[in-house]
């Protein structure tokens, strides 16, 4: 499974590199997660991501994210598939995922997308492990 995931990520990264010259919208690029929040009706949880490194690569019609320990010694997970971006609405449809319980293959997730300088703000409604709905707020920084 790890070999297949690694191969898929390699193929996707190669595709991203080849199509990098054709940037057509602000969402395309390589992004690093810098802030993660879950907003519930009665509380906001800001996650400690200091021990984590998450990259999201968006190119052409596909996206992939990869999570590993901050020191790079432990693979945590990955996922990806097709996306659409129109009128500040970003929708991901998973074609592969190592988080099948929460990010199943074939499932789509819709987010609002906002950009300020080198920052990408991704906000959307999700369900936690108990089935309770919350608003997820991720902030990414563009890598150069």
N, C-alpha and C. Protein backbone atom coordinates (compact mmCIF):
# COMPACT_ATOMS: atom_id res chain seq x y z
N UNK A 1 0.82 -1.19 0.00
CA UNK A 1 0.00 0.00 0.00
C UNK A 1 0.87 1.26 0.00
N UNK A 2 1.93 1.25 0.83
CA UNK A 2 2.82 2.41 0.87
C UNK A 2 3.52 2.62 -0.47
N UNK A 3 3.89 1.51 -1.12
CA UNK A 3 4.57 1.61 -2.42
C UNK A 3 3.62 2.21 -3.44
N UNK A 4 2.36 1.77 -3.45
CA UNK A 4 1.37 2.32 -4.38
C UNK A 4 1.14 3.80 -4.10
N UNK A 5 0.98 4.17 -2.83
CA UNK A 5 0.78 5.57 -2.47
C UNK A 5 1.97 6.42 -2.90
N UNK A 6 3.17 5.93 -2.63
CA UNK A 6 4.37 6.66 -3.01
C UNK A 6 4.44 6.82 -4.53
N UNK A 7 4.13 5.77 -5.27
CA UNK A 7 4.14 5.83 -6.73
C UNK A 7 3.12 6.85 -7.24
N UNK A 8 1.90 6.83 -6.69
CA UNK A 8 0.87 7.78 -7.12
C UNK A 8 1.28 9.22 -6.82
N UNK A 9 1.88 9.42 -5.68
CA UNK A 9 2.33 10.77 -5.32
C UNK A 9 3.43 11.21 -6.28
N UNK A 10 4.38 10.32 -6.61
CA UNK A 10 5.45 10.64 -7.54
C UNK A 10 4.88 11.03 -8.91
N UNK A 11 3.94 10.25 -9.42
CA UNK A 11 3.33 10.55 -10.72
C UNK A 11 2.63 11.90 -10.68
N UNK A 12 1.91 12.15 -9.59
CA UNK A 12 1.20 13.42 -9.48
C UNK A 12 2.17 14.59 -9.43
N UNK A 13 3.25 14.47 -8.65
CA UNK A 13 4.24 15.54 -8.56
C UNK A 13 4.89 15.80 -9.91
N UNK A 14 5.15 14.76 -10.66
CA UNK A 14 5.72 14.92 -11.99
C UNK A 14 4.75 15.70 -12.88
N UNK A 15 3.46 15.35 -12.81
CA UNK A 15 2.43 16.05 -13.58
C UNK A 15 2.38 17.51 -13.18
N UNK A 16 2.46 17.77 -11.88
CA UNK A 16 2.44 19.15 -11.39
C UNK A 16 3.60 19.95 -11.95
N UNK A 17 4.78 19.36 -11.96
CA UNK A 17 5.97 20.03 -12.45
C UNK A 17 5.82 20.37 -13.92
N UNK A 18 5.31 19.44 -14.70
CA UNK A 18 5.17 19.66 -16.14
C UNK A 18 4.13 20.71 -16.46
N UNK A 19 3.09 20.83 -15.63
CA UNK A 19 2.03 21.79 -15.93
C UNK A 19 2.18 23.08 -15.16
N UNK A 20 3.25 23.26 -14.41
CA UNK A 20 3.42 24.47 -13.59
C UNK A 20 3.48 25.73 -14.44
N UNK A 21 3.90 25.60 -15.70
CA UNK A 21 4.01 26.75 -16.57
C UNK A 21 2.64 27.26 -17.00
N UNK A 22 1.59 26.48 -16.81
CA UNK A 22 0.26 26.83 -17.29
C UNK A 22 -0.66 27.32 -16.18
N UNK A 23 -0.14 28.02 -15.17
CA UNK A 23 -0.97 28.49 -14.06
C UNK A 23 -2.07 29.38 -14.59
N UNK A 24 -3.32 29.04 -14.23
CA UNK A 24 -4.46 29.78 -14.74
C UNK A 24 -5.30 30.38 -13.62
N UNK A 25 -5.09 29.93 -12.41
CA UNK A 25 -5.86 30.50 -11.31
C UNK A 25 -5.03 30.48 -10.03
N UNK A 26 -5.45 31.28 -9.05
CA UNK A 26 -4.62 31.46 -7.85
C UNK A 26 -4.51 30.22 -6.97
N UNK A 27 -5.36 29.23 -7.16
CA UNK A 27 -5.34 28.06 -6.29
C UNK A 27 -4.23 27.08 -6.66
N UNK A 28 -3.74 27.16 -7.89
CA UNK A 28 -2.70 26.23 -8.32
C UNK A 28 -1.37 26.56 -7.66
N UNK A 29 -0.71 25.51 -7.19
CA UNK A 29 0.59 25.70 -6.57
C UNK A 29 0.83 24.67 -5.49
N UNK A 30 1.90 24.88 -4.75
CA UNK A 30 2.25 24.01 -3.63
C UNK A 30 2.04 24.81 -2.35
N UNK A 31 1.27 24.24 -1.44
CA UNK A 31 0.84 24.92 -0.22
C UNK A 31 1.25 24.11 1.01
N UNK A 32 1.66 24.82 2.07
CA UNK A 32 2.00 24.17 3.33
C UNK A 32 1.01 24.64 4.40
N UNK A 33 0.45 23.68 5.13
CA UNK A 33 -0.49 24.00 6.20
C UNK A 33 0.22 24.75 7.32
N UNK A 34 -0.35 25.91 7.73
CA UNK A 34 0.24 26.67 8.83
C UNK A 34 -0.72 26.87 9.99
N UNK A 35 -2.02 26.61 9.78
CA UNK A 35 -3.00 26.75 10.86
C UNK A 35 -4.20 25.87 10.56
N UNK A 36 -4.68 25.16 11.58
CA UNK A 36 -5.83 24.27 11.42
C UNK A 36 -6.76 24.47 12.61
N UNK A 37 -8.05 24.77 12.32
CA UNK A 37 -9.05 24.99 13.36
C UNK A 37 -10.30 24.18 13.05
N UNK A 38 -10.98 23.77 14.11
CA UNK A 38 -12.31 23.16 14.01
C UNK A 38 -13.24 24.04 14.84
N UNK A 39 -14.27 24.59 14.20
CA UNK A 39 -15.19 25.50 14.88
C UNK A 39 -16.52 24.80 15.09
N UNK A 40 -16.85 24.56 16.35
CA UNK A 40 -18.12 23.95 16.76
C UNK A 40 -19.03 25.07 17.28
N UNK A 41 -20.31 24.82 17.42
CA UNK A 41 -21.21 25.88 17.91
C UNK A 41 -20.78 26.47 19.27
N UNK A 42 -20.19 25.66 20.13
CA UNK A 42 -19.86 26.14 21.48
C UNK A 42 -18.37 26.30 21.75
N UNK A 43 -17.51 25.98 20.79
CA UNK A 43 -16.07 26.08 21.03
C UNK A 43 -15.29 26.08 19.72
N UNK A 44 -14.09 26.60 19.78
CA UNK A 44 -13.16 26.56 18.65
C UNK A 44 -11.91 25.84 19.11
N UNK A 45 -11.50 24.84 18.34
CA UNK A 45 -10.28 24.10 18.65
C UNK A 45 -9.21 24.46 17.62
N UNK A 46 -8.09 24.96 18.12
CA UNK A 46 -6.93 25.21 17.27
C UNK A 46 -5.97 24.06 17.48
N UNK A 47 -5.64 23.36 16.42
CA UNK A 47 -4.81 22.16 16.52
C UNK A 47 -3.33 22.52 16.60
N UNK A 48 -2.61 21.79 17.42
CA UNK A 48 -1.16 21.93 17.49
C UNK A 48 -0.57 21.13 16.33
N UNK A 49 -0.09 21.84 15.33
CA UNK A 49 0.47 21.16 14.15
C UNK A 49 1.99 21.26 14.12
N UNK A 50 2.59 21.60 15.26
CA UNK A 50 4.04 21.78 15.30
C UNK A 50 4.80 20.48 14.99
N UNK A 51 4.20 19.32 15.27
CA UNK A 51 4.87 18.05 14.99
C UNK A 51 4.49 17.45 13.66
N UNK A 52 3.81 18.24 12.82
CA UNK A 52 3.24 17.75 11.56
C UNK A 52 3.67 18.65 10.42
N UNK A 53 3.86 18.05 9.27
CA UNK A 53 4.06 18.83 8.04
C UNK A 53 3.07 18.30 7.02
N UNK A 54 2.21 19.19 6.54
CA UNK A 54 1.23 18.81 5.52
C UNK A 54 1.42 19.72 4.31
N UNK A 55 1.59 19.10 3.16
CA UNK A 55 1.69 19.83 1.90
C UNK A 55 0.49 19.48 1.05
N UNK A 56 -0.03 20.48 0.36
CA UNK A 56 -1.12 20.28 -0.60
C UNK A 56 -0.63 20.85 -1.92
N UNK A 57 -0.72 20.02 -2.97
CA UNK A 57 -0.29 20.44 -4.30
C UNK A 57 -1.52 20.43 -5.20
N UNK A 58 -1.77 21.57 -5.82
CA UNK A 58 -2.95 21.73 -6.68
C UNK A 58 -2.45 22.15 -8.06
N UNK A 59 -2.84 21.38 -9.07
CA UNK A 59 -2.35 21.63 -10.41
C UNK A 59 -3.38 21.18 -11.43
N UNK A 60 -3.62 22.01 -12.43
CA UNK A 60 -4.54 21.62 -13.50
C UNK A 60 -5.89 21.21 -12.95
N UNK A 61 -6.17 19.92 -12.96
CA UNK A 61 -7.46 19.42 -12.49
C UNK A 61 -7.33 18.49 -11.29
N UNK A 62 -6.12 18.35 -10.74
CA UNK A 62 -5.89 17.40 -9.65
C UNK A 62 -5.25 18.06 -8.43
N UNK A 63 -5.45 17.43 -7.29
CA UNK A 63 -4.83 17.86 -6.04
C UNK A 63 -4.30 16.62 -5.33
N UNK A 64 -3.34 16.84 -4.45
CA UNK A 64 -2.84 15.78 -3.57
C UNK A 64 -2.39 16.45 -2.28
N UNK A 65 -2.58 15.77 -1.17
CA UNK A 65 -1.99 16.23 0.06
C UNK A 65 -1.20 15.09 0.67
N UNK A 66 -0.12 15.45 1.34
CA UNK A 66 0.75 14.48 1.99
C UNK A 66 1.03 14.99 3.39
N UNK A 67 0.91 14.09 4.38
CA UNK A 67 1.19 14.45 5.77
C UNK A 67 2.31 13.55 6.28
N UNK A 68 3.25 14.20 6.98
CA UNK A 68 4.34 13.45 7.61
C UNK A 68 4.70 14.17 8.90
N UNK A 69 5.50 13.50 9.72
CA UNK A 69 5.99 14.15 10.93
C UNK A 69 6.88 15.32 10.52
N UNK A 70 6.96 16.32 11.38
CA UNK A 70 7.74 17.52 11.06
C UNK A 70 9.20 17.20 10.79
N UNK A 71 9.72 16.15 11.42
CA UNK A 71 11.11 15.77 11.18
C UNK A 71 11.28 14.89 9.94
N UNK A 72 10.17 14.53 9.29
CA UNK A 72 10.22 13.74 8.06
C UNK A 72 10.47 12.26 8.25
N UNK A 73 10.46 11.79 9.48
CA UNK A 73 10.77 10.38 9.74
C UNK A 73 9.55 9.47 9.70
N UNK A 74 8.36 10.04 9.74
CA UNK A 74 7.15 9.20 9.78
C UNK A 74 6.13 9.68 8.76
N UNK A 75 5.70 8.78 7.89
CA UNK A 75 4.61 9.04 6.96
C UNK A 75 3.29 8.91 7.72
N UNK A 76 2.44 9.91 7.63
CA UNK A 76 1.16 9.88 8.33
C UNK A 76 0.02 9.50 7.39
N UNK A 77 -0.01 10.11 6.23
CA UNK A 77 -1.07 9.77 5.29
C UNK A 77 -1.07 10.67 4.07
N UNK A 78 -1.93 10.33 3.12
CA UNK A 78 -2.01 11.09 1.88
C UNK A 78 -3.38 10.85 1.24
N UNK A 79 -3.71 11.72 0.34
CA UNK A 79 -4.95 11.56 -0.41
C UNK A 79 -4.93 12.52 -1.59
N UNK A 80 -5.83 12.30 -2.52
CA UNK A 80 -5.90 13.18 -3.66
C UNK A 80 -6.96 12.75 -4.65
N UNK A 81 -7.07 13.54 -5.68
CA UNK A 81 -8.05 13.26 -6.71
C UNK A 81 -8.24 14.47 -7.59
N UNK A 82 -9.46 14.63 -8.06
CA UNK A 82 -9.80 15.77 -8.94
C UNK A 82 -10.37 16.90 -8.10
N UNK A 83 -10.26 18.10 -8.65
CA UNK A 83 -10.87 19.25 -7.97
C UNK A 83 -11.48 20.19 -9.01
N UNK A 84 -12.36 21.04 -8.53
CA UNK A 84 -12.85 22.16 -9.32
C UNK A 84 -12.70 23.42 -8.47
N UNK A 85 -12.50 24.52 -9.16
CA UNK A 85 -12.39 25.81 -8.49
C UNK A 85 -13.10 26.84 -9.36
N UNK A 86 -14.16 27.43 -8.81
CA UNK A 86 -14.93 28.42 -9.55
C UNK A 86 -15.63 29.34 -8.57
N UNK A 87 -15.55 30.63 -8.81
CA UNK A 87 -16.24 31.63 -7.98
C UNK A 87 -15.93 31.43 -6.49
N UNK A 88 -14.66 31.27 -6.17
CA UNK A 88 -14.19 31.09 -4.79
C UNK A 88 -14.74 29.84 -4.11
N UNK A 89 -15.22 28.87 -4.89
CA UNK A 89 -15.65 27.58 -4.35
C UNK A 89 -14.68 26.52 -4.85
N UNK A 90 -14.08 25.82 -3.90
CA UNK A 90 -13.08 24.79 -4.18
C UNK A 90 -13.68 23.45 -3.73
N UNK A 91 -13.80 22.50 -4.66
CA UNK A 91 -14.38 21.19 -4.36
C UNK A 91 -13.37 20.10 -4.68
N UNK A 92 -13.12 19.26 -3.68
CA UNK A 92 -12.22 18.12 -3.84
C UNK A 92 -13.04 16.84 -3.95
N UNK A 93 -12.70 15.98 -4.92
CA UNK A 93 -13.32 14.66 -5.04
C UNK A 93 -12.19 13.63 -4.96
N UNK A 94 -12.24 12.81 -3.91
CA UNK A 94 -11.14 11.88 -3.65
C UNK A 94 -11.15 10.67 -4.57
N UNK A 95 -9.97 10.39 -5.16
CA UNK A 95 -9.75 9.21 -5.99
C UNK A 95 -8.82 8.22 -5.30
N UNK A 96 -8.06 8.69 -4.31
CA UNK A 96 -7.27 7.81 -3.45
C UNK A 96 -7.11 8.48 -2.09
N UNK A 97 -6.99 7.67 -1.06
CA UNK A 97 -6.92 8.20 0.29
C UNK A 97 -6.40 7.14 1.24
N UNK A 98 -5.55 7.53 2.15
CA UNK A 98 -5.14 6.61 3.21
C UNK A 98 -5.98 6.82 4.46
N UNK A 99 -6.96 7.74 4.38
CA UNK A 99 -7.89 8.01 5.48
C UNK A 99 -9.30 7.64 5.02
N UNK A 100 -9.52 6.36 4.75
CA UNK A 100 -10.77 5.91 4.13
C UNK A 100 -12.00 6.14 5.01
N UNK A 101 -11.83 6.18 6.32
CA UNK A 101 -12.98 6.42 7.21
C UNK A 101 -13.52 7.83 7.06
N UNK A 102 -12.62 8.82 7.01
CA UNK A 102 -13.06 10.21 6.97
C UNK A 102 -12.96 10.85 5.59
N UNK A 103 -12.13 10.31 4.72
CA UNK A 103 -11.97 10.84 3.36
C UNK A 103 -12.12 9.70 2.35
N UNK A 104 -13.34 9.15 2.23
CA UNK A 104 -13.52 7.97 1.37
C UNK A 104 -13.41 8.28 -0.12
N UNK A 105 -12.95 7.31 -0.86
CA UNK A 105 -12.83 7.43 -2.31
C UNK A 105 -14.22 7.66 -2.90
N UNK A 106 -14.31 8.62 -3.81
CA UNK A 106 -15.58 8.97 -4.45
C UNK A 106 -16.33 10.09 -3.76
N UNK A 107 -15.93 10.44 -2.55
CA UNK A 107 -16.61 11.49 -1.77
C UNK A 107 -16.08 12.86 -2.18
N UNK A 108 -16.98 13.83 -2.26
CA UNK A 108 -16.61 15.21 -2.57
C UNK A 108 -16.79 16.09 -1.34
N UNK A 109 -15.90 17.06 -1.21
CA UNK A 109 -15.96 18.03 -0.11
C UNK A 109 -15.88 19.43 -0.72
N UNK A 110 -16.81 20.30 -0.33
CA UNK A 110 -16.88 21.65 -0.88
C UNK A 110 -16.38 22.64 0.15
N UNK A 111 -15.54 23.58 -0.30
CA UNK A 111 -14.95 24.59 0.57
C UNK A 111 -15.05 25.97 -0.07
N UNK A 112 -15.03 26.99 0.76
CA UNK A 112 -14.80 28.33 0.24
C UNK A 112 -13.30 28.54 0.21
N UNK A 113 -12.82 29.30 -0.74
CA UNK A 113 -11.39 29.56 -0.89
C UNK A 113 -11.19 31.06 -0.98
N UNK A 114 -10.23 31.54 -0.21
CA UNK A 114 -9.90 32.96 -0.19
C UNK A 114 -8.38 33.08 -0.18
N UNK A 115 -7.87 34.12 -0.84
CA UNK A 115 -6.43 34.32 -0.96
C UNK A 115 -6.06 35.71 -0.50
N UNK A 116 -4.98 35.79 0.28
CA UNK A 116 -4.40 37.07 0.68
C UNK A 116 -2.89 36.92 0.58
N UNK A 117 -2.28 37.59 -0.39
CA UNK A 117 -0.85 37.46 -0.59
C UNK A 117 -0.48 36.02 -0.87
N UNK A 118 0.41 35.46 -0.02
CA UNK A 118 0.83 34.07 -0.22
C UNK A 118 0.04 33.09 0.65
N UNK A 119 -1.12 33.51 1.15
CA UNK A 119 -1.95 32.67 2.02
C UNK A 119 -3.22 32.20 1.30
N UNK A 120 -3.60 30.97 1.58
CA UNK A 120 -4.81 30.33 1.03
C UNK A 120 -5.64 29.90 2.23
N UNK A 121 -6.85 30.43 2.33
CA UNK A 121 -7.76 30.11 3.42
C UNK A 121 -8.85 29.19 2.89
N UNK A 122 -8.92 27.99 3.42
CA UNK A 122 -9.85 26.95 2.98
C UNK A 122 -10.82 26.68 4.13
N UNK A 123 -12.11 26.91 3.90
CA UNK A 123 -13.11 26.75 4.95
C UNK A 123 -14.27 25.91 4.43
N UNK A 124 -14.70 24.93 5.23
CA UNK A 124 -15.82 24.10 4.82
C UNK A 124 -16.41 23.33 5.98
N UNK A 125 -17.56 22.73 5.76
CA UNK A 125 -18.25 21.96 6.79
C UNK A 125 -17.92 20.48 6.62
N UNK A 126 -17.52 19.86 7.73
CA UNK A 126 -17.17 18.44 7.75
C UNK A 126 -17.83 17.79 8.96
N UNK A 127 -17.68 16.46 9.06
CA UNK A 127 -18.15 15.73 10.23
C UNK A 127 -16.95 15.11 10.92
N UNK A 128 -16.95 15.15 12.26
CA UNK A 128 -15.85 14.53 13.00
C UNK A 128 -16.09 13.03 13.14
N UNK A 129 -15.22 12.34 13.86
CA UNK A 129 -15.31 10.88 14.00
C UNK A 129 -16.61 10.42 14.64
N UNK A 130 -17.26 11.29 15.40
CA UNK A 130 -18.52 10.93 16.07
C UNK A 130 -19.74 11.29 15.22
N UNK A 131 -19.50 11.90 14.04
CA UNK A 131 -20.60 12.28 13.17
C UNK A 131 -21.11 13.69 13.41
N UNK A 132 -20.48 14.42 14.33
CA UNK A 132 -20.90 15.78 14.65
C UNK A 132 -20.33 16.75 13.63
N UNK A 133 -21.17 17.62 13.08
CA UNK A 133 -20.73 18.55 12.05
C UNK A 133 -20.02 19.76 12.65
N UNK A 134 -18.96 20.21 11.98
CA UNK A 134 -18.20 21.38 12.41
C UNK A 134 -17.68 22.12 11.19
N UNK A 135 -17.21 23.34 11.40
CA UNK A 135 -16.59 24.12 10.33
C UNK A 135 -15.08 23.97 10.46
N UNK A 136 -14.44 23.52 9.40
CA UNK A 136 -12.99 23.38 9.36
C UNK A 136 -12.40 24.62 8.71
N UNK A 137 -11.37 25.16 9.32
CA UNK A 137 -10.67 26.32 8.76
C UNK A 137 -9.19 25.98 8.66
N UNK A 138 -8.69 25.86 7.44
CA UNK A 138 -7.27 25.60 7.21
C UNK A 138 -6.65 26.83 6.57
N UNK A 139 -5.45 27.15 7.01
CA UNK A 139 -4.69 28.23 6.39
C UNK A 139 -3.39 27.63 5.87
N UNK A 140 -3.12 27.89 4.59
CA UNK A 140 -1.91 27.39 3.94
C UNK A 140 -1.07 28.57 3.50
N UNK A 141 0.25 28.36 3.41
CA UNK A 141 1.17 29.33 2.86
C UNK A 141 1.76 28.74 1.58
N UNK A 142 1.79 29.56 0.55
CA UNK A 142 2.35 29.11 -0.74
C UNK A 142 3.87 28.92 -0.61
N UNK A 143 4.34 27.77 -1.08
CA UNK A 143 5.79 27.53 -1.13
C UNK A 143 6.31 27.98 -2.47
N UNK A 144 7.50 28.51 -2.46
CA UNK A 144 8.08 29.02 -3.71
C UNK A 144 9.24 28.19 -4.14
